N, C-alpha and C. Protein backbone atom coordinates (compact mmCIF):
# COMPACT_ATOMS: atom_id res chain seq x y z
N MET A 1 22.68 -13.90 1.84
CA MET A 1 22.84 -12.09 2.79
C MET A 1 23.86 -11.83 3.71
N SER A 2 24.40 -10.50 3.88
CA SER A 2 25.09 -9.82 5.24
C SER A 2 24.91 -9.60 5.44
N GLU A 3 26.14 -10.44 6.45
CA GLU A 3 25.25 -10.05 8.06
C GLU A 3 24.91 -8.49 8.70
N GLU A 4 25.88 -7.09 8.05
CA GLU A 4 24.79 -6.46 7.92
C GLU A 4 23.56 -6.54 7.71
N ARG A 5 23.08 -6.60 6.90
CA ARG A 5 21.83 -7.15 6.53
C ARG A 5 20.81 -7.23 6.97
N GLU A 6 20.65 -8.75 7.53
CA GLU A 6 20.17 -9.30 8.11
C GLU A 6 20.58 -8.66 9.19
N ASP A 7 21.63 -8.19 9.56
CA ASP A 7 20.87 -7.64 11.43
C ASP A 7 19.98 -6.11 11.06
N SER A 8 19.89 -5.59 9.99
CA SER A 8 19.32 -4.53 9.84
C SER A 8 17.73 -4.88 10.04
N LEU A 9 17.17 -5.95 9.12
CA LEU A 9 16.18 -6.24 9.67
C LEU A 9 15.40 -6.79 11.05
N HIS A 10 16.20 -7.25 12.27
CA HIS A 10 15.60 -7.38 13.19
C HIS A 10 15.90 -5.42 14.03
N LYS A 11 16.38 -4.85 13.57
CA LYS A 11 16.32 -3.65 14.47
C LYS A 11 15.52 -3.11 14.50
N GLN A 12 14.58 -2.68 14.97
CA GLN A 12 13.15 -1.90 15.30
C GLN A 12 13.52 -0.43 15.67
N ARG A 13 12.25 0.77 15.79
CA ARG A 13 12.08 2.14 16.10
C ARG A 13 11.45 1.90 17.06
N LEU A 14 11.84 2.66 18.11
CA LEU A 14 10.81 3.09 19.39
C LEU A 14 10.60 4.37 19.38
N ASN A 15 9.05 4.97 19.49
CA ASN A 15 8.85 6.71 19.50
C ASN A 15 8.29 6.51 21.26
N ALA A 16 8.72 6.80 21.54
CA ALA A 16 8.75 7.28 23.72
C ALA A 16 7.74 8.92 23.55
N ILE A 17 7.00 8.51 24.48
CA ILE A 17 6.67 9.91 24.87
C ILE A 17 6.81 9.88 26.27
N VAL A 18 7.60 10.39 26.63
CA VAL A 18 7.24 10.67 28.33
C VAL A 18 7.12 11.96 29.27
N SER A 19 6.14 11.65 30.03
CA SER A 19 5.40 13.08 31.24
C SER A 19 5.66 12.57 32.59
N GLY A 20 5.62 13.87 32.72
CA GLY A 20 5.65 13.98 34.39
C GLY A 20 6.56 14.86 35.36
N ARG A 21 7.81 14.27 35.81
CA ARG A 21 8.91 15.18 36.67
C ARG A 21 9.87 14.98 35.73
N VAL A 22 10.43 15.92 34.04
CA VAL A 22 11.14 14.50 33.28
C VAL A 22 12.13 15.65 32.42
N GLN A 23 11.67 16.93 33.32
CA GLN A 23 13.03 18.33 31.79
C GLN A 23 12.94 18.46 33.35
N GLY A 24 14.62 18.87 32.95
CA GLY A 24 15.01 19.97 34.25
C GLY A 24 14.89 19.50 35.20
N VAL A 25 15.80 18.20 34.96
CA VAL A 25 16.02 16.31 36.33
C VAL A 25 17.03 15.53 35.49
N GLY A 26 17.66 16.04 34.21
CA GLY A 26 18.59 15.37 33.83
C GLY A 26 18.01 13.98 33.29
N PHE A 27 17.02 13.93 32.79
CA PHE A 27 16.36 12.66 32.06
C PHE A 27 17.06 12.82 30.63
N ARG A 28 16.95 14.05 30.01
CA ARG A 28 17.66 13.34 28.84
C ARG A 28 20.12 12.78 28.59
N TYR A 29 20.23 13.12 29.62
CA TYR A 29 21.34 12.43 29.62
C TYR A 29 21.17 11.84 30.67
N PHE A 30 20.09 10.88 31.35
CA PHE A 30 20.42 9.38 31.67
C PHE A 30 19.70 9.09 30.61
N VAL A 31 19.22 9.08 29.24
CA VAL A 31 18.23 8.74 28.33
C VAL A 31 19.91 8.42 26.68
N LEU A 32 19.75 9.61 27.29
CA LEU A 32 21.40 9.16 26.44
C LEU A 32 22.10 8.22 27.04
N GLN A 33 23.14 8.18 28.82
CA GLN A 33 23.56 6.82 28.56
C GLN A 33 23.35 6.07 28.39
N GLN A 34 22.05 5.82 28.72
CA GLN A 34 21.43 4.39 28.63
C GLN A 34 21.24 3.44 26.98
N ALA A 35 20.60 4.97 26.29
CA ALA A 35 21.46 4.53 25.26
C ALA A 35 22.59 4.14 24.10
N VAL A 36 23.63 4.79 24.83
CA VAL A 36 24.71 4.23 24.31
C VAL A 36 25.49 3.09 25.16
N ARG A 37 24.87 3.27 26.22
CA ARG A 37 24.95 1.66 26.74
C ARG A 37 24.40 0.83 25.71
N LEU A 38 23.36 1.12 25.68
CA LEU A 38 22.65 -0.20 24.72
C LEU A 38 22.97 -0.63 23.31
N GLY A 39 23.92 0.71 22.53
CA GLY A 39 24.31 0.86 21.49
C GLY A 39 22.96 1.37 20.78
N LEU A 40 21.85 1.51 21.41
CA LEU A 40 20.96 2.88 20.50
C LEU A 40 21.12 3.54 19.02
N THR A 41 21.45 3.94 18.38
CA THR A 41 20.72 5.13 17.70
C THR A 41 19.75 5.89 17.57
N GLY A 42 19.79 7.40 17.39
CA GLY A 42 18.50 8.62 17.06
C GLY A 42 18.99 9.66 18.28
N TRP A 43 18.19 9.97 19.62
CA TRP A 43 17.98 11.04 19.86
C TRP A 43 16.63 11.18 21.11
N VAL A 44 17.23 12.53 21.41
CA VAL A 44 15.91 12.47 22.55
C VAL A 44 16.20 14.34 23.09
N ARG A 45 14.93 14.59 23.20
CA ARG A 45 14.97 15.86 23.32
C ARG A 45 13.20 16.39 23.87
N ASN A 46 12.94 17.46 24.64
CA ASN A 46 12.75 18.57 25.84
C ASN A 46 11.63 18.87 24.45
N LEU A 47 10.63 18.10 24.64
CA LEU A 47 8.61 19.51 23.88
C LEU A 47 8.38 20.02 24.91
N ASP A 48 7.91 21.54 24.07
CA ASP A 48 7.96 23.12 24.23
C ASP A 48 6.46 22.18 25.02
N ASP A 49 6.43 21.68 25.72
CA ASP A 49 4.49 21.82 26.68
C ASP A 49 5.69 21.78 28.60
N GLY A 50 6.54 21.69 28.23
CA GLY A 50 7.97 22.59 29.38
C GLY A 50 7.47 20.48 30.71
N ILE A 51 6.34 19.35 30.18
CA ILE A 51 6.41 18.48 31.16
C ILE A 51 6.75 17.34 30.14
N SER A 52 6.91 17.66 28.99
CA SER A 52 7.49 15.85 28.46
C SER A 52 8.75 15.90 27.47
N VAL A 53 8.84 14.24 27.45
CA VAL A 53 11.13 14.54 26.55
C VAL A 53 9.93 12.88 25.39
N GLU A 54 10.81 13.60 24.50
CA GLU A 54 10.29 12.41 23.57
C GLU A 54 11.38 11.50 23.18
N VAL A 55 11.62 10.76 23.16
CA VAL A 55 12.55 9.82 22.04
C VAL A 55 12.64 8.51 21.12
N LEU A 56 13.16 8.24 20.70
CA LEU A 56 13.82 7.88 19.38
C LEU A 56 14.39 7.16 19.00
N ALA A 57 14.78 6.21 19.30
CA ALA A 57 15.78 5.31 19.29
C ALA A 57 15.44 3.88 18.14
N GLU A 58 16.56 3.34 17.59
CA GLU A 58 16.59 2.64 16.88
C GLU A 58 17.81 1.13 17.38
N GLY A 59 16.80 -0.28 17.15
CA GLY A 59 18.10 -0.90 17.73
C GLY A 59 17.26 -1.82 17.44
N GLY A 60 17.62 -3.48 18.69
CA GLY A 60 17.27 -3.90 18.40
C GLY A 60 16.37 -4.42 19.86
N THR A 61 15.66 -5.51 19.81
CA THR A 61 13.77 -5.55 20.11
C THR A 61 14.27 -5.57 21.26
N ALA A 62 15.67 -6.20 22.16
CA ALA A 62 15.94 -6.36 23.46
C ALA A 62 16.57 -5.00 23.99
N ASP A 63 16.53 -4.61 23.35
CA ASP A 63 17.97 -3.10 23.45
C ASP A 63 16.47 -2.07 23.06
N LEU A 64 16.13 -2.12 23.00
CA LEU A 64 14.67 -0.67 22.86
C LEU A 64 13.96 -1.64 24.26
N GLN A 65 13.58 -2.84 23.99
CA GLN A 65 12.64 -2.47 25.12
C GLN A 65 13.70 -2.35 27.32
N GLU A 66 14.46 -2.53 26.84
CA GLU A 66 15.47 -2.82 27.74
C GLU A 66 15.63 -0.49 27.80
N LEU A 67 15.67 -0.22 27.21
CA LEU A 67 15.20 1.66 26.94
C LEU A 67 14.18 1.81 27.90
N LEU A 68 12.98 0.62 27.43
CA LEU A 68 11.88 1.31 27.41
C LEU A 68 11.48 0.86 28.79
N VAL A 69 11.65 -0.11 29.72
CA VAL A 69 12.02 -0.23 30.91
C VAL A 69 12.61 0.92 31.71
N ALA A 70 13.89 1.32 31.32
CA ALA A 70 14.30 2.72 31.39
C ALA A 70 13.84 3.90 31.85
N LEU A 71 13.38 4.21 30.69
CA LEU A 71 12.06 5.73 30.35
C LEU A 71 11.37 5.79 31.64
N HIS A 72 10.56 4.09 32.08
CA HIS A 72 9.58 3.95 33.06
C HIS A 72 10.14 4.01 34.48
N GLU A 73 10.99 4.01 34.66
CA GLU A 73 12.25 4.75 36.10
C GLU A 73 12.72 6.38 36.04
N GLY A 74 13.51 6.35 34.57
CA GLY A 74 14.44 7.50 34.77
C GLY A 74 15.29 7.95 36.24
N PRO A 75 15.78 9.16 36.38
CA PRO A 75 16.90 9.50 36.60
C PRO A 75 16.23 9.73 38.34
N ASN A 76 16.67 9.08 39.07
CA ASN A 76 16.29 9.55 41.00
C ASN A 76 15.89 10.61 40.64
N ALA A 77 16.07 12.11 40.41
CA ALA A 77 15.50 13.02 40.24
C ALA A 77 14.34 13.77 40.38
N SER A 78 13.88 12.60 38.33
CA SER A 78 12.87 12.48 38.19
C SER A 78 11.59 11.73 38.65
N TYR A 79 10.04 11.95 38.07
CA TYR A 79 9.07 11.54 38.19
C TYR A 79 8.01 11.42 37.26
N VAL A 80 8.30 10.73 35.98
CA VAL A 80 7.77 9.66 35.20
C VAL A 80 5.51 9.43 35.86
N ARG A 81 4.73 9.58 34.80
CA ARG A 81 3.83 9.59 35.11
C ARG A 81 3.34 8.82 34.47
N ASP A 82 3.87 9.00 32.59
CA ASP A 82 2.98 8.83 31.42
C ASP A 82 4.52 7.65 30.95
N VAL A 83 4.46 6.65 30.09
CA VAL A 83 4.90 5.84 28.93
C VAL A 83 4.48 6.72 27.77
N LYS A 84 4.04 7.23 26.65
CA LYS A 84 3.45 6.33 26.01
C LYS A 84 4.36 6.14 24.52
N SER A 85 4.40 4.69 23.88
CA SER A 85 5.31 3.77 22.81
C SER A 85 4.38 3.66 21.63
N HIS A 86 5.10 3.99 20.84
CA HIS A 86 5.07 3.14 19.50
C HIS A 86 6.27 2.14 19.25
N PHE A 87 5.94 0.39 17.72
CA PHE A 87 7.76 0.30 17.49
C PHE A 87 7.27 0.72 16.10
N TRP A 88 8.13 0.54 15.72
CA TRP A 88 8.20 0.48 14.07
C TRP A 88 9.34 -0.17 13.69
N PRO A 89 9.61 -0.92 11.76
CA PRO A 89 10.63 -0.85 11.58
C PRO A 89 11.79 0.32 11.83
N ALA A 90 12.78 0.40 11.51
CA ALA A 90 14.09 0.95 11.96
C ALA A 90 14.53 1.65 10.54
N SER A 91 14.71 2.83 10.30
CA SER A 91 15.13 3.77 9.09
C SER A 91 16.47 3.31 8.93
N GLY A 92 17.44 2.89 9.67
CA GLY A 92 18.79 3.21 9.79
C GLY A 92 19.73 5.21 9.41
N GLU A 93 18.66 5.61 10.36
CA GLU A 93 19.16 7.18 9.14
C GLU A 93 20.21 7.23 10.07
N PHE A 94 20.01 6.72 11.42
CA PHE A 94 21.17 7.97 12.99
C PHE A 94 22.33 6.75 12.19
N HIS A 95 23.43 7.39 12.57
CA HIS A 95 24.44 6.64 13.09
C HIS A 95 25.40 7.16 14.68
N GLU A 96 24.15 7.56 15.39
CA GLU A 96 25.07 7.48 16.70
C GLU A 96 23.13 7.97 18.13
N PHE A 97 23.63 8.12 18.94
CA PHE A 97 22.40 8.48 19.15
C PHE A 97 23.02 9.68 20.62
N ASP A 98 21.62 11.06 19.89
CA ASP A 98 22.60 12.70 20.80
C ASP A 98 21.68 12.94 21.54
N ILE A 99 21.67 13.82 22.42
CA ILE A 99 20.60 15.07 22.04
C ILE A 99 20.04 16.07 21.64
N ARG A 100 18.85 16.54 21.39
CA ARG A 100 18.89 17.93 20.46
C ARG A 100 17.84 18.48 21.36
N PHE A 101 18.31 20.01 21.43
CA PHE A 101 18.25 21.46 21.79
C PHE A 101 17.12 21.62 21.01
């Protein structure tokens, strides 16, 4: 088995909805910085409800867990009230992490 194929078997997908004061406070840029630092792929976006941000990230389990911890903390100007998260097998469809508008 190739190293790339073996590595893809250990990757997962994290989908998280973060609510609180997370829009207009640099939360998406904070998530982008954390994801890039951890080598994750996927995206982050504001939701239309005005109080939530959605994160879809793929990578190693330990890196996703570290991102999840960061989502609970957020940047200084934010206030995270709740984080709902689910894990699935990674799809491998992303090549980078970006902010969606």
